[in-house]
C-alpha atoms as a PDB file:
ATOM      1  CA  MET A   1       0.000   0.000   0.000  1.00  0.00           C
ATOM      2  CA  GLY A   2       2.909   2.322  -0.568  1.00  0.00           C
ATOM      3  CA  GLY A   3       3.487   2.834   3.131  1.00  0.00           C
ATOM      4  CA  LEU A   4      -0.032   3.894   3.987  1.00  0.00           C
ATOM      5  CA  ASN A   5      -0.817   0.650   5.829  1.00  0.00           C
ATOM      6  CA  ASP A   6      -0.303  -3.084   5.512  1.00  0.00           C
ATOM      7  CA  SER A   7      -3.649  -3.747   3.804  1.00  0.00           C
ATOM      8  CA  VAL A   8      -4.156  -6.008   0.806  1.00  0.00           C
ATOM      9  CA  VAL A   9      -6.624  -3.647  -0.913  1.00  0.00           C
ATOM     10  CA  THR A  10      -4.892  -1.424  -3.473  1.00  0.00           C
ATOM     11  CA  GLU A  11      -7.904   0.075  -5.224  1.00  0.00           C
ATOM     12  CA  ILE A  12     -11.553   0.898  -4.573  1.00  0.00           C
ATOM     13  CA  VAL A  13     -14.306   0.075  -7.070  1.00  0.00           C
ATOM     14  CA  LEU A  14     -16.992   2.782  -7.302  1.00  0.00           C
ATOM     15  CA  LEU A  15     -20.167   0.882  -8.174  1.00  0.00           C
ATOM     16  CA  ALA A  16     -22.361   3.971  -8.612  1.00  0.00           C
ATOM     17  CA  LEU A  17     -20.459   4.724 -11.816  1.00  0.00           C
ATOM     18  CA  SER A  18     -21.331   1.337 -13.347  1.00  0.00           C
ATOM     19  CA  CYS A  19     -24.492   1.933 -15.343  1.00  0.00           C
ATOM     20  CA  SER A  20     -25.927   1.895 -18.883  1.00  0.00           C
ATOM     21  CA  TRP A  21     -24.416   4.054 -21.631  1.00  0.00           C
ATOM     22  CA  GLU A  22     -27.526   6.228 -21.709  1.00  0.00           C
ATOM     23  CA  LYS A  23     -27.217   6.979 -17.989  1.00  0.00           C
ATOM     24  CA  LYS A  24     -23.462   7.533 -18.350  1.00  0.00           C
ATOM     25  CA  LEU A  25     -23.980  10.110 -21.102  1.00  0.00           C
ATOM     26  CA  PHE A  26     -26.650  11.831 -19.014  1.00  0.00           C
ATOM     27  CA  LEU A  27     -24.353  11.942 -15.960  1.00  0.00           C
ATOM     28  CA  ILE A  28     -21.400  13.181 -18.037  1.00  0.00           C
ATOM     29  CA  LEU A  29     -23.543  15.975 -19.492  1.00  0.00           C
ATOM     30  CA  ILE A  30     -25.031  17.017 -16.127  1.00  0.00           C
ATOM     31  CA  CYS A  31     -21.725  16.853 -14.241  1.00  0.00           C
ATOM     32  CA  SER A  32     -19.878  18.734 -16.994  1.00  0.00           C
ATOM     33  CA  LEU A  33     -22.472  21.523 -17.141  1.00  0.00           C
ATOM     34  CA  LEU A  34     -22.643  21.849 -13.357  1.00  0.00           C
ATOM     35  CA  TYR A  35     -18.850  21.862 -12.992  1.00  0.00           C
ATOM     36  CA  LEU A  36     -18.539  24.468 -15.742  1.00  0.00           C
ATOM     37  CA  GLY A  37     -21.124  26.547 -13.868  1.00  0.00           C
ATOM     38  CA  VAL A  38     -19.173  26.143 -10.612  1.00  0.00           C
ATOM     39  CA  ILE A  39     -15.909  27.286 -12.220  1.00  0.00           C
ATOM     40  CA  LEU A  40     -17.326  30.194 -14.232  1.00  0.00           C
ATOM     41  CA  GLY A  41     -19.767  31.438 -11.577  1.00  0.00           C
ATOM     42  CA  ASN A  42     -17.385  31.369  -8.633  1.00  0.00           C
ATOM     43  CA  LEU A  43     -14.338  32.662 -10.517  1.00  0.00           C
ATOM     44  CA  PHE A  44     -16.439  35.508 -11.967  1.00  0.00           C
ATOM     45  CA  PHE A  45     -17.585  36.431  -8.449  1.00  0.00           C
ATOM     46  CA  LEU A  46     -13.961  36.235  -7.264  1.00  0.00           C
ATOM     47  CA  PHE A  47     -12.880  38.435 -10.193  1.00  0.00           C
ATOM     48  CA  LEU A  48     -15.476  41.088  -9.310  1.00  0.00           C
ATOM     49  CA  VAL A  49     -14.419  41.209  -5.660  1.00  0.00           C
ATOM     50  CA  ILE A  50     -10.699  41.435  -6.484  1.00  0.00           C
ATOM     51  CA  PHE A  51     -10.871  44.077  -9.212  1.00  0.00           C
ATOM     52  CA  ASP A  52     -13.760  46.270  -7.997  1.00  0.00           C
ATOM     53  CA  SER A  53     -12.551  48.493  -5.151  1.00  0.00           C
ATOM     54  CA  HIS A  54     -16.169  49.119  -4.094  1.00  0.00           C
ATOM     55  CA  LEU A  55     -16.339  45.468  -3.018  1.00  0.00           C
ATOM     56  CA  HIS A  56     -13.222  45.595  -0.838  1.00  0.00           C
ATOM     57  CA  SER A  57     -15.108  45.047   2.413  1.00  0.00           C
ATOM     58  CA  PRO A  58     -15.063  42.289   5.070  1.00  0.00           C
ATOM     59  CA  MET A  59     -18.262  40.646   3.854  1.00  0.00           C
ATOM     60  CA  TYR A  60     -17.051  40.347   0.251  1.00  0.00           C
ATOM     61  CA  PHE A  61     -13.619  39.185   1.386  1.00  0.00           C
ATOM     62  CA  LEU A  62     -15.315  36.268   3.163  1.00  0.00           C
ATOM     63  CA  LEU A  63     -17.630  35.625   0.199  1.00  0.00           C
ATOM     64  CA  ALA A  64     -14.648  35.574  -2.179  1.00  0.00           C
ATOM     65  CA  ASN A  65     -12.983  32.948   0.020  1.00  0.00           C
ATOM     66  CA  LEU A  66     -16.239  30.972   0.043  1.00  0.00           C
ATOM     67  CA  SER A  67     -16.251  31.034  -3.778  1.00  0.00           C
ATOM     68  CA  LEU A  68     -12.677  29.761  -3.854  1.00  0.00           C
ATOM     69  CA  ILE A  69     -13.573  26.979  -1.409  1.00  0.00           C
ATOM     70  CA  ASP A  70     -16.616  25.992  -3.498  1.00  0.00           C
ATOM     71  CA  VAL A  71     -14.385  25.573  -6.554  1.00  0.00           C
ATOM     72  CA  GLY A  72     -12.013  23.420  -4.482  1.00  0.00           C
ATOM     73  CA  LEU A  73     -14.807  21.287  -3.001  1.00  0.00           C
ATOM     74  CA  SER A  74     -16.329  20.552  -6.388  1.00  0.00           C
ATOM     75  CA  SER A  75     -12.904  19.882  -7.927  1.00  0.00           C
ATOM     76  CA  THR A  76     -12.143  17.116  -5.398  1.00  0.00           C
ATOM     77  CA  THR A  77     -14.779  14.832  -6.908  1.00  0.00           C
ATOM     78  CA  VAL A  78     -16.556  16.002 -10.080  1.00  0.00           C
ATOM     79  CA  PRO A  79     -13.602  15.900 -12.579  1.00  0.00           C
ATOM     80  CA  LYS A  80     -12.692  12.398 -11.351  1.00  0.00           C
ATOM     81  CA  ILE A  81     -16.297  11.262 -11.824  1.00  0.00           C
ATOM     82  CA  ILE A  82     -16.407  12.622 -15.384  1.00  0.00           C
ATOM     83  CA  THR A  83     -13.167  10.849 -16.353  1.00  0.00           C
ATOM     84  CA  ASP A  84     -14.281   7.603 -14.671  1.00  0.00           C
ATOM     85  CA  LEU A  85     -17.563   7.666 -16.584  1.00  0.00           C
ATOM     86  CA  LEU A  86     -15.531   7.854 -19.806  1.00  0.00           C
ATOM     87  CA  ASN A  87     -13.309   4.919 -18.784  1.00  0.00           C
ATOM     88  CA  GLU A  88     -14.199   1.243 -18.708  1.00  0.00           C
ATOM     89  CA  TYR A  89     -12.823   0.583 -15.200  1.00  0.00           C
ATOM     90  CA  LYS A  90     -14.426   2.654 -12.439  1.00  0.00           C
ATOM     91  CA  VAL A  91     -11.704   2.426  -9.819  1.00  0.00           C
ATOM     92  CA  ILE A  92      -9.682   4.746  -7.632  1.00  0.00           C
ATOM     93  CA  SER A  93      -6.407   3.773  -5.978  1.00  0.00           C
ATOM     94  CA  PHE A  94      -6.395   3.437  -2.199  1.00  0.00           C
ATOM     95  CA  GLN A  95      -3.910   6.327  -1.900  1.00  0.00           C
ATOM     96  CA  ALA A  96      -6.018   8.555  -4.170  1.00  0.00           C
ATOM     97  CA  CYS A  97      -9.133   7.572  -2.201  1.00  0.00           C
ATOM     98  CA  MET A  98      -7.547   8.635   1.096  1.00  0.00           C
ATOM     99  CA  THR A  99      -6.290  11.870  -0.492  1.00  0.00           C
ATOM    100  CA  GLN A 100      -9.768  12.654  -1.824  1.00  0.00           C
ATOM    101  CA  ILE A 101     -11.317  12.068   1.600  1.00  0.00           C
ATOM    102  CA  CYS A 102      -8.792  14.344   3.308  1.00  0.00           C
ATOM    103  CA  PHE A 103      -9.348  17.191   0.850  1.00  0.00           C
ATOM    104  CA  ILE A 104     -13.138  16.861   1.151  1.00  0.00           C
ATOM    105  CA  HIS A 105     -12.998  17.155   4.946  1.00  0.00           C
ATOM    106  CA  ILE A 106     -10.354  19.900   5.007  1.00  0.00           C
ATOM    107  CA  ILE A 107     -12.335  22.043   2.574  1.00  0.00           C
ATOM    108  CA  GLY A 108     -15.601  21.204   4.366  1.00  0.00           C
ATOM    109  CA  GLY A 109     -14.080  22.352   7.666  1.00  0.00           C
ATOM    110  CA  VAL A 110     -12.915  25.618   6.081  1.00  0.00           C
ATOM    111  CA  GLU A 111     -16.387  26.274   4.678  1.00  0.00           C
ATOM    112  CA  MET A 112     -18.026  25.725   8.075  1.00  0.00           C
ATOM    113  CA  VAL A 113     -15.723  28.299   9.696  1.00  0.00           C
ATOM    114  CA  LEU A 114     -16.325  30.761   6.840  1.00  0.00           C
ATOM    115  CA  LEU A 115     -20.108  30.449   7.296  1.00  0.00           C
ATOM    116  CA  VAL A 116     -19.688  31.124  11.030  1.00  0.00           C
ATOM    117  CA  ALA A 117     -17.469  34.125  10.201  1.00  0.00           C
ATOM    118  CA  MET A 118     -20.132  35.455   7.827  1.00  0.00           C
ATOM    119  CA  ALA A 119     -22.756  35.167  10.569  1.00  0.00           C
ATOM    120  CA  PHE A 120     -20.449  37.074  12.936  1.00  0.00           C
ATOM    121  CA  ASP A 121     -19.924  39.679  10.211  1.00  0.00           C
ATOM    122  CA  ARG A 122     -23.680  40.230   9.820  1.00  0.00           C
ATOM    123  CA  CYS A 123     -24.173  40.385  13.611  1.00  0.00           C
ATOM    124  CA  THR A 124     -21.488  43.051  13.842  1.00  0.00           C
ATOM    125  CA  ALA A 125     -22.910  45.041  10.919  1.00  0.00           C
ATOM    126  CA  ILE A 126     -26.401  45.103  12.483  1.00  0.00           C
ATOM    127  CA  TYR A 127     -25.542  45.522  16.180  1.00  0.00           C
ATOM    128  CA  LYS A 128     -22.373  47.632  15.930  1.00  0.00           C
ATOM    129  CA  PRO A 129     -22.637  49.549  12.640  1.00  0.00           C
ATOM    130  CA  LEU A 130     -20.470  52.456  13.826  1.00  0.00           C
ATOM    131  CA  HIS A 131     -17.699  50.102  14.957  1.00  0.00           C
ATOM    132  CA  TYR A 132     -18.110  47.581  12.136  1.00  0.00           C
ATOM    133  CA  LEU A 133     -14.903  48.347  10.232  1.00  0.00           C
ATOM    134  CA  ASN A 134     -12.888  48.521  13.446  1.00  0.00           C
ATOM    135  CA  ILE A 135     -14.140  45.127  14.598  1.00  0.00           C
ATOM    136  CA  MET A 136     -14.031  43.436  11.170  1.00  0.00           C
ATOM    137  CA  ASN A 137     -10.572  44.755  10.326  1.00  0.00           C
ATOM    138  CA  PRO A 138      -8.265  42.993   7.805  1.00  0.00           C
ATOM    139  CA  LYS A 139      -6.389  41.121  10.562  1.00  0.00           C
ATOM    140  CA  ILE A 140      -9.634  39.640  11.918  1.00  0.00           C
ATOM    141  CA  CYS A 141     -10.790  38.654   8.418  1.00  0.00           C
ATOM    142  CA  ILE A 142      -7.485  36.937   7.637  1.00  0.00           C
ATOM    143  CA  SER A 143      -7.588  35.276  11.077  1.00  0.00           C
ATOM    144  CA  PHE A 144     -10.996  33.773  10.213  1.00  0.00           C
ATOM    145  CA  VAL A 145      -9.591  32.271   7.014  1.00  0.00           C
ATOM    146  CA  ILE A 146      -6.478  30.893   8.752  1.00  0.00           C
ATOM    147  CA  THR A 147      -8.657  29.472  11.553  1.00  0.00           C
ATOM    148  CA  GLY A 148     -10.796  27.803   8.898  1.00  0.00           C
ATOM    149  CA  TRP A 149      -7.823  26.036   7.317  1.00  0.00           C
ATOM    150  CA  VAL A 150      -6.408  24.977  10.688  1.00  0.00           C
ATOM    151  CA  THR A 151      -9.830  23.657  11.756  1.00  0.00           C
ATOM    152  CA  GLY A 152     -10.233  21.817   8.451  1.00  0.00           C
ATOM    153  CA  VAL A 153      -6.844  20.114   8.735  1.00  0.00           C
ATOM    154  CA  ILE A 154      -7.442  19.070  12.367  1.00  0.00           C
ATOM    155  CA  HIS A 155     -10.955  17.860  11.499  1.00  0.00           C
ATOM    156  CA  ALA A 156      -9.696  15.723   8.582  1.00  0.00           C
ATOM    157  CA  MET A 157      -6.539  14.385  10.223  1.00  0.00           C
ATOM    158  CA  SER A 158      -8.323  13.397  13.460  1.00  0.00           C
ATOM    159  CA  GLN A 159     -10.389  10.921  11.416  1.00  0.00           C
ATOM    160  CA  PHE A 160      -7.732  10.003   8.865  1.00  0.00           C
ATOM    161  CA  LEU A 161      -5.292   8.760  11.541  1.00  0.00           C
ATOM    162  CA  PHE A 162      -7.906   6.290  12.799  1.00  0.00           C
ATOM    163  CA  VAL A 163      -9.025   5.052   9.391  1.00  0.00           C
ATOM    164  CA  ILE A 164      -5.599   4.684   7.746  1.00  0.00           C
ATOM    165  CA  ASN A 165      -4.503   2.105  10.331  1.00  0.00           C
ATOM    166  CA  LEU A 166      -7.529  -0.146   9.845  1.00  0.00           C
ATOM    167  CA  PRO A 167      -6.927  -3.497   8.092  1.00  0.00           C
ATOM    168  CA  PHE A 168      -8.416  -3.588   4.574  1.00  0.00           C
ATOM    169  CA  CYS A 169      -7.985  -7.195   3.487  1.00  0.00           C
ATOM    170  CA  GLY A 170     -10.687  -8.026   0.965  1.00  0.00           C
ATOM    171  CA  PRO A 171     -13.887  -6.067   0.209  1.00  0.00           C
ATOM    172  CA  ASN A 172     -13.154  -3.104  -2.051  1.00  0.00           C
ATOM    173  CA  LYS A 173     -16.520  -2.143  -3.568  1.00  0.00           C
ATOM    174  CA  VAL A 174     -18.386   1.032  -2.615  1.00  0.00           C
ATOM    175  CA  ASP A 175     -21.825   1.903  -3.993  1.00  0.00           C
ATOM    176  CA  SER A 176     -21.021   5.587  -4.357  1.00  0.00           C
ATOM    177  CA  PHE A 177     -19.560   8.196  -6.712  1.00  0.00           C
ATOM    178  CA  TYR A 178     -16.679   9.069  -4.404  1.00  0.00           C
ATOM    179  CA  CYS A 179     -14.700   8.051  -1.299  1.00  0.00           C
ATOM    180  CA  ASP A 180     -15.632   9.125   2.208  1.00  0.00           C
ATOM    181  CA  PHE A 181     -14.877   7.939   5.743  1.00  0.00           C
ATOM    182  CA  PRO A 182     -18.248   6.236   6.530  1.00  0.00           C
ATOM    183  CA  LYS A 183     -18.097   4.235   3.284  1.00  0.00           C
ATOM    184  CA  ILE A 184     -14.445   3.202   3.569  1.00  0.00           C
ATOM    185  CA  ILE A 185     -14.755   2.169   7.239  1.00  0.00           C
ATOM    186  CA  LYS A 186     -17.365  -0.436   6.239  1.00  0.00           C
ATOM    187  CA  LEU A 187     -14.725  -2.154   4.079  1.00  0.00           C
ATOM    188  CA  ALA A 188     -12.374  -2.743   7.026  1.00  0.00           C
ATOM    189  CA  CYS A 189     -11.803  -6.339   8.143  1.00  0.00           C
ATOM    190  CA  THR A 190     -12.581  -5.561  11.768  1.00  0.00           C
ATOM    191  CA  ASP A 191     -15.401  -4.401  13.998  1.00  0.00           C
ATOM    192  CA  ALA A 192     -15.713  -0.851  12.745  1.00  0.00           C
ATOM    193  CA  ALA A 193     -18.553   0.233  15.072  1.00  0.00           C
ATOM    194  CA  LYS A 194     -16.349   2.402  17.298  1.00  0.00           C
ATOM    195  CA  PHE A 195     -14.720   4.005  14.264  1.00  0.00           C
ATOM    196  CA  GLU A 196     -18.129   4.766  12.763  1.00  0.00           C
ATOM    197  CA  PHE A 197     -19.022   6.416  16.068  1.00  0.00           C
ATOM    198  CA  ILE A 198     -15.837   8.541  15.881  1.00  0.00           C
ATOM    199  CA  VAL A 199     -16.790   9.735  12.382  1.00  0.00           C
ATOM    200  CA  THR A 200     -20.358  10.461  13.518  1.00  0.00           C
ATOM    201  CA  ALA A 201     -19.114  12.271  16.627  1.00  0.00           C
ATOM    202  CA  ASN A 202     -16.611  14.291  14.595  1.00  0.00           C
ATOM    203  CA  SER A 203     -18.315  15.120  11.299  1.00  0.00           C
ATOM    204  CA  GLY A 204     -21.927  14.558  12.350  1.00  0.00           C
ATOM    205  CA  PHE A 205     -21.987  16.496  15.596  1.00  0.00           C
ATOM    206  CA  MET A 206     -19.746  19.194  14.119  1.00  0.00           C
ATOM    207  CA  SER A 207     -22.186  19.681  11.217  1.00  0.00           C
ATOM    208  CA  LEU A 208     -25.274  19.521  13.431  1.00  0.00           C
ATOM    209  CA  GLY A 209     -23.837  21.816  16.110  1.00  0.00           C
ATOM    210  CA  THR A 210     -22.596  24.433  13.648  1.00  0.00           C
ATOM    211  CA  PHE A 211     -25.902  24.364  11.750  1.00  0.00           C
ATOM    212  CA  PHE A 212     -28.018  25.009  14.844  1.00  0.00           C
ATOM    213  CA  LEU A 213     -25.572  27.676  16.056  1.00  0.00           C
ATOM    214  CA  LEU A 214     -25.913  29.539  12.752  1.00  0.00           C
ATOM    215  CA  ILE A 215     -29.703  29.215  12.600  1.00  0.00           C
ATOM    216  CA  LEU A 216     -30.016  30.444  16.198  1.00  0.00           C
ATOM    217  CA  SER A 217     -27.695  33.371  15.427  1.00  0.00           C
ATOM    218  CA  TYR A 218     -29.681  34.477  12.383  1.00  0.00           C
ATOM    219  CA  SER A 219     -33.000  33.949  14.211  1.00  0.00           C
ATOM    220  CA  PHE A 220     -31.752  36.054  17.124  1.00  0.00           C
ATOM    221  CA  ILE A 221     -30.742  38.827  14.717  1.00  0.00           C
ATOM    222  CA  LEU A 222     -34.150  38.840  13.011  1.00  0.00           C
ATOM    223  CA  ILE A 223     -36.051  38.813  16.336  1.00  0.00           C
ATOM    224  CA  SER A 224     -33.921  41.675  17.680  1.00  0.00           C
ATOM    225  CA  VAL A 225     -34.464  43.744  14.520  1.00  0.00           C
ATOM    226  CA  TRP A 226     -38.204  42.991  14.589  1.00  0.00           C
ATOM    227  CA  LYS A 227     -38.441  44.366  18.134  1.00  0.00           C
ATOM    228  CA  ARG A 228     -36.885  47.627  16.950  1.00  0.00           C
ATOM    229  CA  SER A 229     -38.885  48.185  13.760  1.00  0.00           C
ATOM    230  CA  SER A 230     -40.939  46.082  11.341  1.00  0.00           C
ATOM    231  CA  GLY A 231     -39.518  48.146   8.459  1.00  0.00           C
ATOM    232  CA  GLU A 232     -35.979  47.242   9.435  1.00  0.00           C
ATOM    233  CA  LEU A 233     -37.016  43.582   9.674  1.00  0.00           C
ATOM    234  CA  SER A 234     -37.806  43.369   5.953  1.00  0.00           C
ATOM    235  CA  LYS A 235     -34.432  44.958   5.142  1.00  0.00           C
ATOM    236  CA  ALA A 236     -32.587  42.601   7.459  1.00  0.00           C
ATOM    237  CA  PHE A 237     -34.426  39.589   6.058  1.00  0.00           C
ATOM    238  CA  VAL A 238     -33.446  40.495   2.492  1.00  0.00           C
ATOM    239  CA  THR A 239     -29.817  40.845   3.621  1.00  0.00           C
ATOM    240  CA  LEU A 240     -29.758  37.617   5.630  1.00  0.00           C
ATOM    241  CA  SER A 241     -31.915  35.413   3.393  1.00  0.00           C
ATOM    242  CA  ALA A 242     -28.994  34.664   1.074  1.00  0.00           C
ATOM    243  CA  HIS A 243     -26.811  33.612   4.021  1.00  0.00           C
ATOM    244  CA  ILE A 244     -29.553  31.428   5.518  1.00  0.00           C
ATOM    245  CA  THR A 245     -30.210  29.763   2.140  1.00  0.00           C
ATOM    246  CA  VAL A 246     -26.535  28.889   1.731  1.00  0.00           C
ATOM    247  CA  VAL A 247     -26.407  27.503   5.296  1.00  0.00           C
ATOM    248  CA  PHE A 248     -29.326  25.150   4.547  1.00  0.00           C
ATOM    249  CA  LEU A 249     -27.853  24.085   1.192  1.00  0.00           C
ATOM    250  CA  PHE A 250     -24.472  23.259   2.723  1.00  0.00           C
ATOM    251  CA  PHE A 251     -25.483  21.623   5.997  1.00  0.00           C
ATOM    252  CA  THR A 252     -28.534  19.578   4.976  1.00  0.00           C
ATOM    253  CA  PRO A 253     -26.535  17.011   2.922  1.00  0.00           C
ATOM    254  CA  CYS A 254     -23.773  16.975   5.581  1.00  0.00           C
ATOM    255  CA  MET A 255     -26.214  16.121   8.354  1.00  0.00           C
ATOM    256  CA  PHE A 256     -27.825  13.340   6.308  1.00  0.00           C
ATOM    257  CA  LEU A 257     -24.448  11.831   5.373  1.00  0.00           C
ATOM    258  CA  TYR A 258     -22.761  11.992   8.792  1.00  0.00           C
ATOM    259  CA  VAL A 259     -25.492  12.078  11.434  1.00  0.00           C
ATOM    260  CA  TRP A 260     -27.188   9.270   9.508  1.00  0.00           C
ATOM    261  CA  PRO A 261     -24.016   7.420   8.412  1.00  0.00           C
ATOM    262  CA  SER A 262     -25.792   4.680   6.419  1.00  0.00           C
ATOM    263  CA  PRO A 263     -28.359   6.396   4.180  1.00  0.00           C
ATOM    264  CA  PRO A 264     -29.844   4.344   1.306  1.00  0.00           C
ATOM    265  CA  PRO A 265     -27.596   4.446  -1.797  1.00  0.00           C
ATOM    266  CA  SER A 266     -30.187   6.413  -3.809  1.00  0.00           C
ATOM    267  CA  ILE A 267     -30.288   9.188  -1.175  1.00  0.00           C
ATOM    268  CA  ASP A 268     -26.499   9.164  -0.867  1.00  0.00           C
ATOM    269  CA  LYS A 269     -26.076   9.673  -4.633  1.00  0.00           C
ATOM    270  CA  ASN A 270     -28.610  12.503  -4.761  1.00  0.00           C
ATOM    271  CA  LEU A 271     -27.024  14.216  -1.766  1.00  0.00           C
ATOM    272  CA  PHE A 272     -23.652  13.967  -3.490  1.00  0.00           C
ATOM    273  CA  ILE A 273     -24.955  15.930  -6.479  1.00  0.00           C
ATOM    274  CA  VAL A 274     -26.403  18.573  -4.145  1.00  0.00           C
ATOM    275  CA  ASP A 275     -23.297  18.914  -1.958  1.00  0.00           C
ATOM    276  CA  PHE A 276     -20.538  18.836  -4.586  1.00  0.00           C
ATOM    277  CA  ALA A 277     -22.193  20.327  -7.674  1.00  0.00           C
ATOM    278  CA  ILE A 278     -25.527  22.082  -7.108  1.00  0.00           C
ATOM    279  CA  THR A 279     -24.639  24.022  -3.936  1.00  0.00           C
ATOM    280  CA  PRO A 280     -21.300  25.367  -5.318  1.00  0.00           C
ATOM    281  CA  VAL A 281     -23.002  26.475  -8.535  1.00  0.00           C
ATOM    282  CA  LEU A 282     -25.916  28.115  -6.681  1.00  0.00           C
ATOM    283  CA  ASN A 283     -23.853  30.048  -4.112  1.00  0.00           C
ATOM    284  CA  PRO A 284     -22.596  32.803  -6.477  1.00  0.00           C
ATOM    285  CA  ALA A 285     -26.073  33.060  -8.036  1.00  0.00           C
ATOM    286  CA  ILE A 286     -27.728  33.444  -4.611  1.00  0.00           C
ATOM    287  CA  TYR A 287     -25.333  36.199  -3.542  1.00  0.00           C
ATOM    288  CA  THR A 288     -25.544  37.940  -6.933  1.00  0.00           C
ATOM    289  CA  LEU A 289     -29.280  37.959  -7.678  1.00  0.00           C
ATOM    290  CA  ARG A 290     -30.298  39.601  -4.383  1.00  0.00           C
ATOM    291  CA  ASN A 291     -27.269  41.822  -3.907  1.00  0.00           C
ATOM    292  CA  LYS A 292     -27.397  45.436  -5.109  1.00  0.00           C
ATOM    293  CA  ASP A 293     -23.634  45.937  -4.730  1.00  0.00           C
ATOM    294  CA  ILE A 294     -22.858  43.006  -7.035  1.00  0.00           C
ATOM    295  CA  LYS A 295     -25.442  44.143  -9.591  1.00  0.00           C
ATOM    296  CA  VAL A 296     -23.919  47.638  -9.627  1.00  0.00           C
ATOM    297  CA  SER A 297     -20.441  46.120  -9.928  1.00  0.00           C
ATOM    298  CA  ILE A 298     -21.539  44.075 -12.958  1.00  0.00           C
ATOM    299  CA  LYS A 299     -22.965  47.240 -14.556  1.00  0.00           C
ATOM    300  CA  ARG A 300     -19.659  49.035 -13.967  1.00  0.00           C
ATOM    301  CA  LEU A 301     -17.813  46.110 -15.548  1.00  0.00           C
ATOM    302  CA  ARG A 302     -20.105  46.190 -18.601  1.00  0.00           C
ATOM    303  CA  LYS A 303     -19.538  49.934 -18.932  1.00  0.00           C
ATOM    304  CA  ARG A 304     -15.774  49.490 -18.799  1.00  0.00           C
ATOM    305  CA  ILE A 305     -15.910  46.745 -21.432  1.00  0.00           C
ATOM    306  CA  SER A 306     -18.095  48.865 -23.755  1.00  0.00           C
ATOM    307  CA  ASN A 307     -15.802  51.893 -23.315  1.00  0.00           C
ATOM    308  CA  PHE A 308     -12.786  49.686 -24.026  1.00  0.00           C
ATOM    309  CA  LYS A 309     -14.393  48.477 -27.262  1.00  0.00           C
ATOM    310  CA  PHE A 310     -15.078  52.023 -28.476  1.00  0.00           C
ATOM    311  CA  CYS A 311     -11.509  53.057 -27.665  1.00  0.00           C
END
């Protein structure tokens, strides 16, 4: 196993990719279009934030990092799925499987911290508007991003160190599109119950706890604003609705996959599409369609392009 462990298994067979040619072509088309949307949508949003000085604010700094993370999350699985669908043998090496799992959990951990940071940003903007820029200064924003990466690495490695030392001596088939800890643990030639509990306690409780923390935070903000003025409530709801939507899109599949570690294969496959393709492609659209600053920035970009053409 190249030094990873002393297991016999050298590759994992991904059964979800074994299907009729018609279904393969459909999946290739859908995955390709969604991945193209993820790349173009998120990189366009990132481009706007970097090159438009009007968007150089804490909120857009965090959103730009979220876009970058979405590209990374989708890239850990979707390109591999597309290439596997084009190949006859739907396998992934054990080393590549472990690498994929680690990147998924590192990036997932970063995204959780970024969503918490965005909630803190909105709380500060609403409760401390006069001190907003002092509180959400560049050092704090960068600290959130660094904390996200550190949390992601600790989150992934704490599970990886348990799983990598398990004996894998025979079964190597997984009815899924990709590798993940709950699926790989079931292949181990040992009683994996305690290891499944570790994954549930780590990923499941982390997802569930963060989700409820965010929902409570946004609910508290809306209730506090409502007590002040019903007019301000509608404004706050428009501002926060995009954040709340993204929280639900990200955490719902996570909670199903890790709090309920053995979902039926059909649900698992559908949740995969939501988590790794649909959510990353929707995030830039959600923040663009209901955001006046982004709409104005796009108009400025169009104006610059038209002026450049005439010159």
